[in-house]
């Protein structure tokens, strides 16, 4: 990947920034901060600012470290070099996701009213599915990332076909979810979370069917 070092440095900056911002505004945060919203975008769970104000920043910092370790201990670690660029992008996207989530938590805690939290979170998840769906066909067999079923891990052809199919399903669902994020109502919310179940279960069933077809 061209300019990989620059890309990784940018990832670490994005990972560190929420942590530094949280420290800077920590004294201004209320003793309890919002950490969960219902489907109407209403806060329904408050937690003590320590340690919960640092949950997202620490998660964002931990992800790059964790995935680096996983790549080294995976029994199929030799395959990571075959999708190295994709692996870097995924780390970057996940770090950015938690950075934005922390921005939402901090801004809401400080009384910001310009953020429609339910829309923001559902849109972010939709975009995450779009990006991962686009990258998924590039995944190579491994034990930590992708659609890991007994059938995809047993057969590289099943792995490849499942990830091409699953990538399309995730991309399409992510696009629909991104649109639904702007539409209110319980029915819309039901459809949204129904799509989450589809992207979680449908590729698993597909991998089993494809394995039966080939064997």
N, C-alpha and C. Protein backbone atom coordinates (compact mmCIF):
# COMPACT_ATOMS: atom_id res chain seq x y z
N UNK A 1 0.85 -1.20 0.00
CA UNK A 1 0.00 0.00 0.00
C UNK A 1 0.88 1.25 0.00
N UNK A 2 0.62 2.17 -0.93
CA UNK A 2 1.39 3.40 -1.01
C UNK A 2 1.13 4.26 0.23
N UNK A 3 2.21 4.84 0.73
CA UNK A 3 2.12 5.74 1.88
C UNK A 3 1.48 5.06 3.10
N UNK A 4 1.78 3.78 3.27
CA UNK A 4 1.18 3.04 4.39
C UNK A 4 1.55 3.65 5.74
N UNK A 5 2.81 4.08 5.88
CA UNK A 5 3.25 4.65 7.15
C UNK A 5 2.48 5.93 7.46
N UNK A 6 2.24 6.75 6.44
CA UNK A 6 1.48 7.99 6.65
C UNK A 6 0.05 7.65 7.07
N UNK A 7 -0.53 6.65 6.42
CA UNK A 7 -1.90 6.23 6.73
C UNK A 7 -1.99 5.74 8.16
N UNK A 8 -1.01 4.95 8.59
CA UNK A 8 -1.01 4.42 9.95
C UNK A 8 -0.80 5.52 10.98
N UNK A 9 0.07 6.49 10.66
CA UNK A 9 0.26 7.62 11.58
C UNK A 9 -1.03 8.40 11.75
N UNK A 10 -1.74 8.61 10.64
CA UNK A 10 -3.02 9.32 10.69
C UNK A 10 -4.02 8.55 11.56
N UNK A 11 -3.99 7.21 11.45
CA UNK A 11 -4.87 6.39 12.26
C UNK A 11 -4.59 6.58 13.75
N UNK A 12 -3.30 6.64 14.11
CA UNK A 12 -2.95 6.82 15.51
C UNK A 12 -3.32 8.21 16.01
N UNK A 13 -3.22 9.21 15.13
CA UNK A 13 -3.64 10.57 15.52
C UNK A 13 -5.13 10.58 15.82
N UNK A 14 -5.92 9.94 14.94
CA UNK A 14 -7.36 9.88 15.15
C UNK A 14 -7.69 9.09 16.41
N UNK A 15 -6.89 8.07 16.71
CA UNK A 15 -7.12 7.27 17.92
C UNK A 15 -6.80 8.06 19.19
N UNK A 16 -5.76 8.88 19.13
CA UNK A 16 -5.32 9.64 20.30
C UNK A 16 -6.16 10.89 20.55
N UNK A 17 -6.65 11.49 19.48
CA UNK A 17 -7.35 12.77 19.59
C UNK A 17 -8.54 12.73 20.55
N UNK A 18 -9.45 11.74 20.47
CA UNK A 18 -10.58 11.71 21.42
C UNK A 18 -10.11 11.60 22.87
N UNK A 19 -9.03 10.86 23.10
CA UNK A 19 -8.50 10.70 24.46
C UNK A 19 -8.02 12.05 24.99
N UNK A 20 -7.27 12.80 24.15
CA UNK A 20 -6.74 14.10 24.56
C UNK A 20 -7.86 15.12 24.76
N UNK A 21 -8.86 15.10 23.88
CA UNK A 21 -10.00 16.02 24.00
C UNK A 21 -10.78 15.72 25.28
N UNK A 22 -10.96 14.44 25.58
CA UNK A 22 -11.69 14.05 26.79
C UNK A 22 -10.97 14.56 28.04
N UNK A 23 -9.66 14.42 28.06
CA UNK A 23 -8.87 14.94 29.20
C UNK A 23 -9.04 16.45 29.32
N UNK A 24 -9.04 17.15 28.16
CA UNK A 24 -9.13 18.61 28.16
C UNK A 24 -10.46 19.11 28.71
N UNK A 25 -11.55 18.39 28.41
CA UNK A 25 -12.88 18.87 28.82
C UNK A 25 -13.41 18.12 30.04
N UNK A 26 -12.62 17.23 30.60
CA UNK A 26 -13.09 16.35 31.67
C UNK A 26 -13.69 17.14 32.84
N UNK A 27 -13.04 18.24 33.22
CA UNK A 27 -13.53 19.04 34.33
C UNK A 27 -14.87 19.68 34.08
N UNK A 28 -15.24 19.85 32.82
CA UNK A 28 -16.52 20.48 32.48
C UNK A 28 -17.65 19.46 32.33
N UNK A 29 -17.31 18.18 32.30
CA UNK A 29 -18.34 17.16 32.13
C UNK A 29 -19.16 17.01 33.41
N UNK A 30 -20.45 16.71 33.28
CA UNK A 30 -21.27 16.45 34.47
C UNK A 30 -20.81 15.16 35.14
N UNK A 31 -21.23 14.95 36.37
CA UNK A 31 -20.79 13.76 37.10
C UNK A 31 -21.29 12.46 36.45
N UNK A 32 -22.40 12.54 35.75
CA UNK A 32 -22.89 11.39 34.99
C UNK A 32 -23.05 11.79 33.53
N UNK A 33 -22.65 10.90 32.63
CA UNK A 33 -22.70 11.22 31.20
C UNK A 33 -23.60 10.21 30.48
N UNK A 34 -24.23 10.62 29.37
CA UNK A 34 -25.10 9.69 28.62
C UNK A 34 -24.27 8.63 27.92
N UNK A 35 -24.72 7.37 28.02
CA UNK A 35 -23.99 6.29 27.37
C UNK A 35 -24.90 5.36 26.57
N UNK A 36 -26.21 5.65 26.59
CA UNK A 36 -27.12 4.81 25.79
C UNK A 36 -28.36 5.62 25.42
N UNK A 37 -28.82 5.42 24.18
CA UNK A 37 -30.00 6.10 23.68
C UNK A 37 -31.00 5.08 23.16
N UNK A 38 -32.29 5.33 23.34
CA UNK A 38 -33.29 4.41 22.81
C UNK A 38 -33.55 4.71 21.33
N UNK A 39 -34.48 3.97 20.73
CA UNK A 39 -34.70 4.11 19.29
C UNK A 39 -35.28 5.47 18.92
N UNK A 40 -35.76 6.23 19.90
CA UNK A 40 -36.27 7.57 19.65
C UNK A 40 -35.18 8.63 19.82
N UNK A 41 -33.97 8.21 20.13
CA UNK A 41 -32.88 9.15 20.34
C UNK A 41 -32.87 9.77 21.71
N UNK A 42 -33.65 9.19 22.64
CA UNK A 42 -33.71 9.71 24.00
C UNK A 42 -32.70 8.98 24.88
N UNK A 43 -32.03 9.73 25.74
CA UNK A 43 -31.06 9.12 26.65
C UNK A 43 -31.80 8.26 27.66
N UNK A 44 -31.39 6.99 27.78
CA UNK A 44 -32.05 6.12 28.76
C UNK A 44 -31.05 5.44 29.70
N UNK A 45 -29.80 5.88 29.66
CA UNK A 45 -28.81 5.33 30.60
C UNK A 45 -27.69 6.35 30.80
N UNK A 46 -27.44 6.67 32.08
CA UNK A 46 -26.35 7.58 32.45
C UNK A 46 -25.34 6.81 33.30
N UNK A 47 -24.05 7.10 33.11
CA UNK A 47 -23.01 6.43 33.87
C UNK A 47 -22.04 7.46 34.44
N UNK A 48 -21.36 7.14 35.56
CA UNK A 48 -20.37 8.06 36.13
C UNK A 48 -19.30 8.42 35.10
N UNK A 49 -18.93 9.69 35.07
CA UNK A 49 -17.99 10.12 34.03
C UNK A 49 -16.64 9.43 34.14
N UNK A 50 -16.27 9.01 35.36
CA UNK A 50 -15.08 8.16 35.49
C UNK A 50 -15.51 6.78 35.93
N UNK A 51 -15.19 5.75 35.15
CA UNK A 51 -14.26 5.76 34.01
C UNK A 51 -14.93 5.84 32.65
N UNK A 52 -16.29 6.00 32.62
CA UNK A 52 -17.01 5.82 31.36
C UNK A 52 -16.68 6.85 30.29
N UNK A 53 -16.22 8.03 30.68
CA UNK A 53 -15.86 9.04 29.68
C UNK A 53 -14.68 8.58 28.83
N UNK A 54 -13.93 7.62 29.33
CA UNK A 54 -12.73 7.15 28.61
C UNK A 54 -12.96 5.81 27.90
N UNK A 55 -14.19 5.29 27.94
CA UNK A 55 -14.46 4.00 27.32
C UNK A 55 -14.19 4.01 25.81
N UNK A 56 -14.79 4.96 25.09
CA UNK A 56 -14.61 5.03 23.64
C UNK A 56 -13.16 5.33 23.25
N UNK A 57 -12.51 6.33 23.89
CA UNK A 57 -11.11 6.60 23.53
C UNK A 57 -10.19 5.40 23.75
N UNK A 58 -10.38 4.69 24.86
CA UNK A 58 -9.53 3.53 25.13
C UNK A 58 -9.83 2.40 24.15
N UNK A 59 -11.09 2.27 23.76
CA UNK A 59 -11.44 1.26 22.75
C UNK A 59 -10.77 1.60 21.42
N UNK A 60 -10.81 2.90 21.05
CA UNK A 60 -10.17 3.34 19.81
C UNK A 60 -8.68 3.12 19.82
N UNK A 61 -8.06 3.29 20.97
CA UNK A 61 -6.62 3.04 21.09
C UNK A 61 -6.32 1.55 21.10
N UNK A 62 -7.22 0.77 21.68
CA UNK A 62 -6.97 -0.66 21.82
C UNK A 62 -7.12 -1.43 20.53
N UNK A 63 -7.99 -0.96 19.64
CA UNK A 63 -8.25 -1.69 18.40
C UNK A 63 -6.98 -1.90 17.56
N UNK A 64 -6.20 -0.85 17.26
CA UNK A 64 -4.99 -1.07 16.45
C UNK A 64 -4.02 -2.05 17.09
N UNK A 65 -3.92 -1.98 18.42
CA UNK A 65 -3.01 -2.89 19.12
C UNK A 65 -3.54 -4.32 19.05
N UNK A 66 -4.84 -4.48 19.27
CA UNK A 66 -5.43 -5.81 19.27
C UNK A 66 -5.31 -6.48 17.91
N UNK A 67 -5.67 -5.76 16.84
CA UNK A 67 -5.65 -6.39 15.52
C UNK A 67 -4.23 -6.71 15.07
N UNK A 68 -3.27 -5.94 15.54
CA UNK A 68 -1.88 -6.24 15.22
C UNK A 68 -1.44 -7.55 15.86
N UNK A 69 -1.87 -7.76 17.11
CA UNK A 69 -1.55 -9.00 17.82
C UNK A 69 -2.26 -10.19 17.18
N UNK A 70 -3.53 -10.00 16.84
CA UNK A 70 -4.30 -11.09 16.25
C UNK A 70 -3.67 -11.59 14.95
N UNK A 71 -3.16 -10.64 14.16
CA UNK A 71 -2.54 -11.02 12.88
C UNK A 71 -1.30 -11.87 13.09
N UNK A 72 -0.65 -11.72 14.23
CA UNK A 72 0.58 -12.46 14.50
C UNK A 72 0.33 -13.85 15.10
N UNK A 73 -0.82 -14.03 15.77
CA UNK A 73 -1.09 -15.31 16.43
C UNK A 73 -2.07 -16.17 15.64
N UNK A 74 -2.63 -15.63 14.57
CA UNK A 74 -3.58 -16.39 13.75
C UNK A 74 -2.87 -17.58 13.10
N UNK A 75 -3.44 -18.79 13.18
CA UNK A 75 -2.83 -19.94 12.50
C UNK A 75 -2.67 -19.74 11.00
N UNK A 76 -3.46 -18.84 10.42
CA UNK A 76 -3.36 -18.53 9.00
C UNK A 76 -2.71 -17.16 8.79
N UNK A 77 -1.74 -16.82 9.64
CA UNK A 77 -1.14 -15.48 9.61
C UNK A 77 -0.47 -15.15 8.28
N UNK A 78 -0.07 -16.17 7.54
CA UNK A 78 0.57 -15.89 6.25
C UNK A 78 -0.39 -15.24 5.26
N UNK A 79 -1.70 -15.41 5.49
CA UNK A 79 -2.68 -14.84 4.56
C UNK A 79 -2.86 -13.34 4.73
N UNK A 80 -2.47 -12.79 5.88
CA UNK A 80 -2.68 -11.36 6.11
C UNK A 80 -1.89 -10.50 5.12
N UNK A 81 -0.77 -11.01 4.66
CA UNK A 81 -0.01 -10.27 3.67
C UNK A 81 -0.72 -10.17 2.34
N UNK A 82 -1.70 -11.05 2.12
CA UNK A 82 -2.45 -11.07 0.87
C UNK A 82 -3.58 -10.04 0.85
N UNK A 83 -3.92 -9.49 2.02
CA UNK A 83 -4.91 -8.40 2.04
C UNK A 83 -4.47 -7.31 3.03
N UNK A 84 -3.18 -7.01 2.97
CA UNK A 84 -2.57 -6.06 3.90
C UNK A 84 -3.21 -4.68 3.80
N UNK A 85 -3.41 -4.20 2.58
CA UNK A 85 -4.01 -2.88 2.39
C UNK A 85 -5.41 -2.82 2.99
N UNK A 86 -6.19 -3.86 2.75
CA UNK A 86 -7.55 -3.91 3.30
C UNK A 86 -7.52 -3.92 4.82
N UNK A 87 -6.57 -4.65 5.39
CA UNK A 87 -6.46 -4.76 6.84
C UNK A 87 -6.14 -3.40 7.47
N UNK A 88 -5.30 -2.62 6.81
CA UNK A 88 -4.97 -1.27 7.28
C UNK A 88 -6.22 -0.38 7.24
N UNK A 89 -6.96 -0.44 6.14
CA UNK A 89 -8.15 0.40 5.98
C UNK A 89 -9.19 0.06 7.04
N UNK A 90 -9.37 -1.22 7.32
CA UNK A 90 -10.36 -1.64 8.32
C UNK A 90 -10.00 -1.08 9.70
N UNK A 91 -8.73 -1.17 10.06
CA UNK A 91 -8.30 -0.61 11.34
C UNK A 91 -8.62 0.89 11.39
N UNK A 92 -8.33 1.58 10.31
CA UNK A 92 -8.56 3.02 10.25
C UNK A 92 -10.05 3.34 10.42
N UNK A 93 -10.90 2.60 9.71
CA UNK A 93 -12.34 2.84 9.76
C UNK A 93 -12.89 2.59 11.16
N UNK A 94 -12.45 1.52 11.81
CA UNK A 94 -12.94 1.22 13.16
C UNK A 94 -12.50 2.27 14.16
N UNK A 95 -11.26 2.74 14.04
CA UNK A 95 -10.77 3.79 14.93
C UNK A 95 -11.58 5.07 14.72
N UNK A 96 -11.84 5.41 13.46
CA UNK A 96 -12.62 6.61 13.16
C UNK A 96 -14.05 6.49 13.70
N UNK A 97 -14.62 5.30 13.63
CA UNK A 97 -15.97 5.06 14.14
C UNK A 97 -16.06 5.40 15.63
N UNK A 98 -15.11 4.89 16.42
CA UNK A 98 -15.14 5.14 17.86
C UNK A 98 -14.79 6.59 18.19
N UNK A 99 -14.00 7.22 17.34
CA UNK A 99 -13.69 8.64 17.55
C UNK A 99 -14.95 9.49 17.39
N UNK A 100 -15.74 9.20 16.36
CA UNK A 100 -16.99 9.94 16.15
C UNK A 100 -17.97 9.66 17.29
N UNK A 101 -18.03 8.40 17.73
CA UNK A 101 -18.90 8.06 18.85
C UNK A 101 -18.54 8.86 20.10
N UNK A 102 -17.25 9.02 20.35
CA UNK A 102 -16.82 9.81 21.50
C UNK A 102 -17.21 11.27 21.35
N UNK A 103 -17.12 11.79 20.14
CA UNK A 103 -17.55 13.16 19.87
C UNK A 103 -19.03 13.33 20.23
N UNK A 104 -19.84 12.34 19.87
CA UNK A 104 -21.27 12.39 20.18
C UNK A 104 -21.49 12.41 21.69
N UNK A 105 -20.78 11.53 22.41
CA UNK A 105 -20.93 11.45 23.87
C UNK A 105 -20.51 12.76 24.53
N UNK A 106 -19.35 13.29 24.15
CA UNK A 106 -18.83 14.52 24.77
C UNK A 106 -19.74 15.71 24.46
N UNK A 107 -20.13 15.84 23.19
CA UNK A 107 -20.97 16.98 22.79
C UNK A 107 -22.31 16.93 23.52
N UNK A 108 -22.91 15.75 23.60
CA UNK A 108 -24.19 15.61 24.30
C UNK A 108 -24.04 15.90 25.78
N UNK A 109 -22.95 15.41 26.37
CA UNK A 109 -22.70 15.64 27.81
C UNK A 109 -22.55 17.12 28.11
N UNK A 110 -22.01 17.89 27.17
CA UNK A 110 -21.80 19.32 27.38
C UNK A 110 -23.01 20.15 26.98
N UNK A 111 -24.11 19.46 26.62
CA UNK A 111 -25.36 20.17 26.36
C UNK A 111 -25.63 20.53 24.92
N UNK A 112 -24.87 19.98 23.99
CA UNK A 112 -25.09 20.28 22.57
C UNK A 112 -26.47 19.77 22.15
N UNK A 113 -27.17 20.57 21.39
CA UNK A 113 -28.50 20.19 20.93
C UNK A 113 -28.57 20.02 19.42
N UNK A 114 -27.45 20.25 18.74
CA UNK A 114 -27.47 20.20 17.27
C UNK A 114 -27.29 18.77 16.75
N UNK A 115 -27.01 17.81 17.65
CA UNK A 115 -26.79 16.43 17.22
C UNK A 115 -28.05 15.61 17.46
N UNK A 116 -28.57 15.01 16.42
CA UNK A 116 -29.69 14.06 16.54
C UNK A 116 -29.05 12.68 16.68
N UNK A 117 -28.91 12.25 17.91
CA UNK A 117 -28.06 11.11 18.23
C UNK A 117 -28.50 9.83 17.53
N UNK A 118 -29.82 9.53 17.54
CA UNK A 118 -30.26 8.28 16.92
C UNK A 118 -29.94 8.27 15.43
N UNK A 119 -30.13 9.41 14.77
CA UNK A 119 -29.81 9.50 13.35
C UNK A 119 -28.30 9.32 13.12
N UNK A 120 -27.50 9.99 13.94
CA UNK A 120 -26.06 9.92 13.80
C UNK A 120 -25.54 8.50 13.97
N UNK A 121 -25.99 7.81 15.00
CA UNK A 121 -25.50 6.46 15.27
C UNK A 121 -25.94 5.49 14.18
N UNK A 122 -27.22 5.56 13.79
CA UNK A 122 -27.71 4.64 12.76
C UNK A 122 -27.03 4.92 11.41
N UNK A 123 -26.76 6.19 11.12
CA UNK A 123 -26.06 6.52 9.88
C UNK A 123 -24.63 5.99 9.91
N UNK A 124 -23.95 6.14 11.04
CA UNK A 124 -22.58 5.66 11.17
C UNK A 124 -22.50 4.14 10.99
N UNK A 125 -23.46 3.43 11.58
CA UNK A 125 -23.47 1.97 11.43
C UNK A 125 -23.73 1.59 9.98
N UNK A 126 -24.65 2.30 9.33
CA UNK A 126 -24.91 2.04 7.92
C UNK A 126 -23.68 2.24 7.06
N UNK A 127 -22.97 3.34 7.30
CA UNK A 127 -21.74 3.63 6.54
C UNK A 127 -20.68 2.56 6.82
N UNK A 128 -20.61 2.11 8.07
CA UNK A 128 -19.64 1.06 8.43
C UNK A 128 -19.94 -0.21 7.64
N UNK A 129 -21.20 -0.58 7.51
CA UNK A 129 -21.56 -1.76 6.72
C UNK A 129 -21.22 -1.56 5.25
N UNK A 130 -21.43 -0.36 4.73
CA UNK A 130 -21.11 -0.08 3.33
C UNK A 130 -19.61 -0.28 3.08
N UNK A 131 -18.79 0.29 3.95
CA UNK A 131 -17.34 0.20 3.78
C UNK A 131 -16.86 -1.24 3.93
N UNK A 132 -17.32 -1.93 4.98
CA UNK A 132 -16.90 -3.31 5.19
C UNK A 132 -17.40 -4.22 4.08
N UNK A 133 -18.61 -3.97 3.61
CA UNK A 133 -19.13 -4.76 2.50
C UNK A 133 -18.30 -4.59 1.24
N UNK A 134 -17.83 -3.38 1.00
CA UNK A 134 -17.00 -3.12 -0.17
C UNK A 134 -15.64 -3.80 -0.06
N UNK A 135 -15.13 -3.91 1.17
CA UNK A 135 -13.80 -4.50 1.38
C UNK A 135 -13.84 -6.02 1.53
N UNK A 136 -14.98 -6.55 1.93
CA UNK A 136 -15.08 -7.96 2.30
C UNK A 136 -14.59 -8.94 1.23
N UNK A 137 -14.86 -8.71 -0.07
CA UNK A 137 -14.38 -9.67 -1.07
C UNK A 137 -12.85 -9.80 -1.11
N UNK A 138 -12.14 -8.84 -0.53
CA UNK A 138 -10.68 -8.89 -0.54
C UNK A 138 -10.10 -9.68 0.64
N UNK A 139 -10.96 -10.04 1.60
CA UNK A 139 -10.48 -10.80 2.76
C UNK A 139 -9.96 -12.17 2.31
N UNK A 140 -8.88 -12.61 2.91
CA UNK A 140 -8.37 -13.96 2.71
C UNK A 140 -8.62 -14.76 3.99
N UNK A 141 -8.58 -16.07 3.87
CA UNK A 141 -8.89 -16.93 5.01
C UNK A 141 -8.10 -16.56 6.26
N UNK A 142 -8.80 -16.36 7.36
CA UNK A 142 -8.19 -16.12 8.65
C UNK A 142 -9.22 -16.43 9.72
N UNK A 143 -8.79 -16.45 10.98
CA UNK A 143 -9.67 -16.85 12.06
C UNK A 143 -10.27 -15.68 12.84
N UNK A 144 -9.96 -14.44 12.45
CA UNK A 144 -10.39 -13.31 13.26
C UNK A 144 -11.23 -12.27 12.52
N UNK A 145 -11.22 -12.30 11.19
CA UNK A 145 -11.92 -11.25 10.45
C UNK A 145 -12.68 -11.85 9.28
N UNK A 146 -13.93 -11.44 9.15
CA UNK A 146 -14.72 -11.92 8.03
C UNK A 146 -15.82 -12.87 8.48
N UNK A 147 -16.37 -13.62 7.53
CA UNK A 147 -17.45 -14.57 7.79
C UNK A 147 -16.80 -15.91 8.09
N UNK A 148 -16.57 -16.15 9.36
CA UNK A 148 -15.80 -17.33 9.79
C UNK A 148 -16.77 -18.42 10.22
N UNK A 149 -17.06 -19.32 9.32
CA UNK A 149 -17.90 -20.47 9.62
C UNK A 149 -17.09 -21.73 9.39
N UNK A 150 -17.56 -22.88 9.87
CA UNK A 150 -16.82 -24.13 9.61
C UNK A 150 -16.62 -24.37 8.12
N UNK A 151 -17.55 -23.87 7.31
CA UNK A 151 -17.52 -24.15 5.87
C UNK A 151 -16.58 -23.20 5.13
N UNK A 152 -16.52 -21.94 5.54
CA UNK A 152 -15.58 -21.01 4.88
C UNK A 152 -14.14 -21.32 5.28
N UNK A 153 -13.94 -21.77 6.53
CA UNK A 153 -12.59 -22.08 6.99
C UNK A 153 -12.09 -23.42 6.45
N UNK A 154 -13.02 -24.27 6.05
CA UNK A 154 -12.64 -25.59 5.53
C UNK A 154 -12.31 -25.56 4.04
N UNK A 155 -12.80 -24.54 3.33
CA UNK A 155 -12.64 -24.53 1.87
C UNK A 155 -12.40 -23.09 1.41
N UNK A 156 -11.26 -22.85 0.77
CA UNK A 156 -10.92 -21.49 0.36
C UNK A 156 -11.87 -20.97 -0.72
N UNK A 157 -12.39 -21.88 -1.56
CA UNK A 157 -13.35 -21.45 -2.60
C UNK A 157 -14.65 -21.00 -1.96
N UNK A 158 -15.10 -21.74 -0.94
CA UNK A 158 -16.31 -21.34 -0.21
C UNK A 158 -16.08 -20.00 0.48
N UNK A 159 -14.88 -19.82 1.05
CA UNK A 159 -14.54 -18.54 1.68
C UNK A 159 -14.68 -17.40 0.67
N UNK A 160 -14.07 -17.56 -0.51
CA UNK A 160 -14.07 -16.50 -1.51
C UNK A 160 -15.48 -16.19 -2.00
N UNK A 161 -16.26 -17.24 -2.31
CA UNK A 161 -17.62 -17.03 -2.81
C UNK A 161 -18.51 -16.40 -1.74
N UNK A 162 -18.36 -16.86 -0.49
CA UNK A 162 -19.17 -16.32 0.60
C UNK A 162 -18.86 -14.85 0.84
N UNK A 163 -17.59 -14.47 0.75
CA UNK A 163 -17.23 -13.07 1.00
C UNK A 163 -17.59 -12.15 -0.16
N UNK A 164 -17.61 -12.68 -1.37
CA UNK A 164 -18.13 -11.86 -2.48
C UNK A 164 -19.63 -11.65 -2.30
N UNK A 165 -20.34 -12.72 -1.97
CA UNK A 165 -21.78 -12.62 -1.75
C UNK A 165 -22.08 -11.77 -0.52
N UNK A 166 -21.40 -12.07 0.60
CA UNK A 166 -21.63 -11.33 1.83
C UNK A 166 -21.30 -9.86 1.70
N UNK A 167 -20.24 -9.56 0.93
CA UNK A 167 -19.88 -8.16 0.71
C UNK A 167 -21.00 -7.39 0.04
N UNK A 168 -21.66 -8.03 -0.96
CA UNK A 168 -22.79 -7.38 -1.63
C UNK A 168 -23.95 -7.18 -0.66
N UNK A 169 -24.24 -8.21 0.15
CA UNK A 169 -25.34 -8.13 1.12
C UNK A 169 -25.08 -7.01 2.12
N UNK A 170 -23.85 -6.94 2.66
CA UNK A 170 -23.51 -5.89 3.64
C UNK A 170 -23.58 -4.50 3.00
N UNK A 171 -23.06 -4.38 1.77
CA UNK A 171 -23.07 -3.08 1.10
C UNK A 171 -24.51 -2.61 0.86
N UNK A 172 -25.35 -3.50 0.33
CA UNK A 172 -26.73 -3.14 0.03
C UNK A 172 -27.49 -2.80 1.31
N UNK A 173 -27.32 -3.62 2.35
CA UNK A 173 -27.99 -3.37 3.62
C UNK A 173 -27.51 -2.06 4.23
N UNK A 174 -26.21 -1.80 4.16
CA UNK A 174 -25.66 -0.55 4.69
C UNK A 174 -26.23 0.67 4.00
N UNK A 175 -26.43 0.57 2.69
CA UNK A 175 -27.01 1.69 1.94
C UNK A 175 -28.45 1.95 2.39
N UNK A 176 -29.22 0.88 2.51
CA UNK A 176 -30.61 1.03 2.96
C UNK A 176 -30.65 1.57 4.39
N UNK A 177 -29.78 1.05 5.25
CA UNK A 177 -29.73 1.50 6.65
C UNK A 177 -29.37 2.98 6.74
N UNK A 178 -28.50 3.45 5.85
CA UNK A 178 -28.11 4.86 5.85
C UNK A 178 -29.30 5.75 5.50
N UNK A 179 -30.13 5.29 4.58
CA UNK A 179 -31.34 6.05 4.22
C UNK A 179 -32.35 6.01 5.37
N UNK A 180 -32.54 4.82 5.95
CA UNK A 180 -33.50 4.66 7.05
C UNK A 180 -33.12 5.50 8.27
N UNK A 181 -31.83 5.80 8.41
CA UNK A 181 -31.37 6.59 9.56
C UNK A 181 -32.07 7.94 9.64
N UNK A 182 -32.50 8.46 8.50
CA UNK A 182 -33.13 9.79 8.46
C UNK A 182 -34.65 9.71 8.56
N UNK A 183 -35.19 8.50 8.64
CA UNK A 183 -36.64 8.34 8.68
C UNK A 183 -37.07 7.92 10.08
N UNK A 184 -37.99 8.65 10.70
CA UNK A 184 -38.43 8.34 12.06
C UNK A 184 -39.47 7.22 12.08
N UNK A 185 -39.78 6.75 13.26
CA UNK A 185 -40.88 5.80 13.43
C UNK A 185 -40.43 4.42 13.85
N UNK A 186 -41.33 3.72 14.56
CA UNK A 186 -41.02 2.38 15.06
C UNK A 186 -40.89 1.38 13.92
N UNK A 187 -41.70 1.53 12.88
CA UNK A 187 -41.62 0.59 11.74
C UNK A 187 -40.27 0.70 11.06
N UNK A 188 -39.82 1.93 10.88
CA UNK A 188 -38.51 2.16 10.27
C UNK A 188 -37.40 1.55 11.13
N UNK A 189 -37.52 1.74 12.44
CA UNK A 189 -36.53 1.17 13.35
C UNK A 189 -36.54 -0.35 13.28
N UNK A 190 -37.74 -0.94 13.18
CA UNK A 190 -37.86 -2.39 13.07
C UNK A 190 -37.20 -2.91 11.81
N UNK A 191 -37.41 -2.21 10.70
CA UNK A 191 -36.77 -2.61 9.43
C UNK A 191 -35.26 -2.50 9.55
N UNK A 192 -34.81 -1.42 10.20
CA UNK A 192 -33.37 -1.19 10.36
C UNK A 192 -32.72 -2.35 11.10
N UNK A 193 -33.28 -2.70 12.24
CA UNK A 193 -32.68 -3.76 13.03
C UNK A 193 -32.92 -5.14 12.41
N UNK A 194 -33.97 -5.26 11.60
CA UNK A 194 -34.17 -6.49 10.85
C UNK A 194 -33.04 -6.69 9.83
N UNK A 195 -32.59 -5.59 9.23
CA UNK A 195 -31.47 -5.66 8.29
C UNK A 195 -30.18 -6.09 8.99
N UNK A 196 -30.01 -5.64 10.23
CA UNK A 196 -28.83 -6.06 11.00
C UNK A 196 -28.82 -7.57 11.17
N UNK A 197 -29.99 -8.15 11.46
CA UNK A 197 -30.09 -9.60 11.59
C UNK A 197 -29.81 -10.30 10.26
N UNK A 198 -30.28 -9.72 9.18
CA UNK A 198 -30.06 -10.31 7.86
C UNK A 198 -28.58 -10.39 7.53
N UNK A 199 -27.85 -9.28 7.73
CA UNK A 199 -26.43 -9.28 7.38
C UNK A 199 -25.63 -10.20 8.31
N UNK A 200 -26.16 -10.44 9.52
CA UNK A 200 -25.46 -11.32 10.45
C UNK A 200 -25.69 -12.79 10.11
N UNK A 201 -26.90 -13.15 9.66
CA UNK A 201 -27.26 -14.55 9.50
C UNK A 201 -27.23 -15.05 8.05
N UNK A 202 -27.64 -14.23 7.10
CA UNK A 202 -27.78 -14.70 5.72
C UNK A 202 -26.47 -15.22 5.13
N UNK A 203 -25.33 -14.52 5.30
CA UNK A 203 -24.07 -15.05 4.75
C UNK A 203 -23.65 -16.39 5.38
N UNK A 204 -24.02 -16.60 6.65
CA UNK A 204 -23.70 -17.88 7.30
C UNK A 204 -24.44 -19.01 6.61
N UNK A 205 -25.74 -18.80 6.35
CA UNK A 205 -26.55 -19.80 5.65
C UNK A 205 -26.00 -20.02 4.24
N UNK A 206 -25.62 -18.92 3.59
CA UNK A 206 -25.07 -19.02 2.23
C UNK A 206 -23.81 -19.89 2.22
N UNK A 207 -22.93 -19.70 3.21
CA UNK A 207 -21.68 -20.47 3.24
C UNK A 207 -21.95 -21.96 3.38
N UNK A 208 -22.96 -22.32 4.18
CA UNK A 208 -23.33 -23.73 4.34
C UNK A 208 -23.87 -24.31 3.04
N UNK A 209 -24.76 -23.55 2.38
CA UNK A 209 -25.33 -24.02 1.12
C UNK A 209 -24.25 -24.16 0.04
N UNK A 210 -23.33 -23.20 0.00
CA UNK A 210 -22.26 -23.24 -1.01
C UNK A 210 -21.33 -24.42 -0.76
N UNK A 211 -21.08 -24.72 0.51
CA UNK A 211 -20.22 -25.86 0.84
C UNK A 211 -20.89 -27.17 0.41
N UNK A 212 -22.19 -27.28 0.68
CA UNK A 212 -22.93 -28.48 0.27
C UNK A 212 -22.92 -28.63 -1.25
N UNK A 213 -23.03 -27.50 -1.94
CA UNK A 213 -23.03 -27.54 -3.40
C UNK A 213 -21.70 -28.04 -3.96
N UNK A 214 -20.61 -27.65 -3.33
CA UNK A 214 -19.27 -28.00 -3.83
C UNK A 214 -18.78 -29.35 -3.33
N UNK A 215 -19.44 -29.87 -2.28
CA UNK A 215 -18.99 -31.14 -1.71
C UNK A 215 -20.11 -32.15 -1.70
